C-alpha atoms as a PDB file:
ATOM      1  CA  UNK A   1      62.940 155.384 156.548  1.00  0.00           C
ATOM      2  CA  UNK A   2      63.827 152.045 157.451  1.00  0.00           C
ATOM      3  CA  UNK A   3      67.490 150.471 156.621  1.00  0.00           C
ATOM      4  CA  UNK A   4      66.482 149.317 153.349  1.00  0.00           C
ATOM      5  CA  UNK A   5      65.241 151.894 152.231  1.00  0.00           C
ATOM      6  CA  UNK A   6      61.309 150.352 152.942  1.00  0.00           C
ATOM      7  CA  UNK A   7      58.611 152.572 154.551  1.00  0.00           C
ATOM      8  CA  UNK A   8      57.996 152.596 158.285  1.00  0.00           C
ATOM      9  CA  UNK A   9      54.123 152.512 160.345  1.00  0.00           C
ATOM     10  CA  UNK A  10      53.908 154.175 163.577  1.00  0.00           C
ATOM     11  CA  UNK A  11      52.033 151.282 166.020  1.00  0.00           C
ATOM     12  CA  UNK A  12      51.062 151.204 169.202  1.00  0.00           C
ATOM     13  CA  UNK A  13      50.107 147.752 171.374  1.00  0.00           C
ATOM     14  CA  UNK A  14      46.203 147.927 172.010  1.00  0.00           C
ATOM     15  CA  UNK A  15      44.688 148.309 175.717  1.00  0.00           C
ATOM     16  CA  UNK A  16      44.747 145.631 177.690  1.00  0.00           C
ATOM     17  CA  UNK A  17      47.175 143.981 175.754  1.00  0.00           C
ATOM     18  CA  UNK A  18      49.814 145.390 177.993  1.00  0.00           C
ATOM     19  CA  UNK A  19      50.003 147.800 180.861  1.00  0.00           C
ATOM     20  CA  UNK A  20      49.513 152.051 179.780  1.00  0.00           C
ATOM     21  CA  UNK A  21      53.169 152.743 180.305  1.00  0.00           C
ATOM     22  CA  UNK A  22      54.128 150.095 178.021  1.00  0.00           C
ATOM     23  CA  UNK A  23      51.663 151.534 175.543  1.00  0.00           C
ATOM     24  CA  UNK A  24      54.600 153.001 173.594  1.00  0.00           C
ATOM     25  CA  UNK A  25      54.574 154.244 169.645  1.00  0.00           C
ATOM     26  CA  UNK A  26      56.631 151.782 167.924  1.00  0.00           C
ATOM     27  CA  UNK A  27      58.285 151.759 164.524  1.00  0.00           C
ATOM     28  CA  UNK A  28      57.911 149.065 162.597  1.00  0.00           C
ATOM     29  CA  UNK A  29      59.074 148.228 159.238  1.00  0.00           C
ATOM     30  CA  UNK A  30      56.511 147.972 156.540  1.00  0.00           C
ATOM     31  CA  UNK A  31      56.669 144.623 154.850  1.00  0.00           C
ATOM     32  CA  UNK A  32      56.631 143.971 151.142  1.00  0.00           C
ATOM     33  CA  UNK A  33      52.663 143.785 149.908  1.00  0.00           C
ATOM     34  CA  UNK A  34      51.334 140.703 149.754  1.00  0.00           C
ATOM     35  CA  UNK A  35      53.306 139.226 152.817  1.00  0.00           C
ATOM     36  CA  UNK A  36      51.480 138.664 156.010  1.00  0.00           C
ATOM     37  CA  UNK A  37      53.966 137.655 158.718  1.00  0.00           C
ATOM     38  CA  UNK A  38      53.462 135.650 161.415  1.00  0.00           C
ATOM     39  CA  UNK A  39      54.974 138.707 163.638  1.00  0.00           C
ATOM     40  CA  UNK A  40      56.242 142.244 162.907  1.00  0.00           C
ATOM     41  CA  UNK A  41      59.374 143.563 164.488  1.00  0.00           C
ATOM     42  CA  UNK A  42      59.755 146.853 165.623  1.00  0.00           C
ATOM     43  CA  UNK A  43      62.885 148.565 165.421  1.00  0.00           C
ATOM     44  CA  UNK A  44      63.745 147.741 169.306  1.00  0.00           C
ATOM     45  CA  UNK A  45      63.445 144.450 168.415  1.00  0.00           C
ATOM     46  CA  UNK A  46      59.361 144.327 169.904  1.00  0.00           C
ATOM     47  CA  UNK A  47      57.596 142.035 168.693  1.00  0.00           C
ATOM     48  CA  UNK A  48      54.134 142.661 167.623  1.00  0.00           C
ATOM     49  CA  UNK A  49      51.078 139.880 167.070  1.00  0.00           C
ATOM     50  CA  UNK A  50      48.558 140.172 164.816  1.00  0.00           C
ATOM     51  CA  UNK A  51      45.662 141.750 166.986  1.00  0.00           C
ATOM     52  CA  UNK A  52      47.716 143.185 169.836  1.00  0.00           C
ATOM     53  CA  UNK A  53      48.417 146.492 168.036  1.00  0.00           C
ATOM     54  CA  UNK A  54      46.917 149.744 166.041  1.00  0.00           C
ATOM     55  CA  UNK A  55      48.308 151.137 163.266  1.00  0.00           C
ATOM     56  CA  UNK A  56      48.506 155.262 164.411  1.00  0.00           C
ATOM     57  CA  UNK A  57      47.883 157.586 161.066  1.00  0.00           C
ATOM     58  CA  UNK A  58      50.036 160.452 162.568  1.00  0.00           C
ATOM     59  CA  UNK A  59      52.079 161.037 165.716  1.00  0.00           C
ATOM     60  CA  UNK A  60      50.921 160.882 168.722  1.00  0.00           C
ATOM     61  CA  UNK A  61      51.298 158.637 172.276  1.00  0.00           C
ATOM     62  CA  UNK A  62      54.815 158.399 173.985  1.00  0.00           C
ATOM     63  CA  UNK A  63      57.554 157.535 171.049  1.00  0.00           C
ATOM     64  CA  UNK A  64      59.708 154.411 171.884  1.00  0.00           C
ATOM     65  CA  UNK A  65      62.925 155.909 172.772  1.00  0.00           C
ATOM     66  CA  UNK A  66      64.919 152.524 171.485  1.00  0.00           C
ATOM     67  CA  UNK A  67      62.925 152.494 168.558  1.00  0.00           C
ATOM     68  CA  UNK A  68      63.711 156.506 167.833  1.00  0.00           C
ATOM     69  CA  UNK A  69      67.439 156.215 168.719  1.00  0.00           C
ATOM     70  CA  UNK A  70      67.459 152.638 165.643  1.00  0.00           C
ATOM     71  CA  UNK A  71      66.065 155.315 162.988  1.00  0.00           C
ATOM     72  CA  UNK A  72      68.256 158.592 164.226  1.00  0.00           C
ATOM     73  CA  UNK A  73      70.745 159.635 161.054  1.00  0.00           C
ATOM     74  CA  UNK A  74      74.220 159.042 162.330  1.00  0.00           C
ATOM     75  CA  UNK A  75      77.212 161.603 162.157  1.00  0.00           C
ATOM     76  CA  UNK A  76      78.920 163.715 164.833  1.00  0.00           C
ATOM     77  CA  UNK A  77      76.700 165.977 166.813  1.00  0.00           C
ATOM     78  CA  UNK A  78      73.287 164.858 165.599  1.00  0.00           C
ATOM     79  CA  UNK A  79      72.480 164.032 169.040  1.00  0.00           C
ATOM     80  CA  UNK A  80      74.697 165.851 171.173  1.00  0.00           C
ATOM     81  CA  UNK A  81      71.719 167.568 172.864  1.00  0.00           C
ATOM     82  CA  UNK A  82      69.330 164.702 173.175  1.00  0.00           C
ATOM     83  CA  UNK A  83      68.981 165.044 176.664  1.00  0.00           C
END
């Protein structure tokens, strides 16, 4: 869940938009129903523009580590063994 309690979508930039090594899966807060923003912003700060990304229907691909860290629960020891 996003910081505001909203839903998150898992998206990946399409082939040809960026090189394969940058096609990581980002977490993006889902905009309110009916809202069509000019761009979406991943938790890591990456701007995603219309037509550049695909919404994934499940967990697959390489995750964006910065997005994961921004969404990880906080607390002592929770990420102590995260590598």
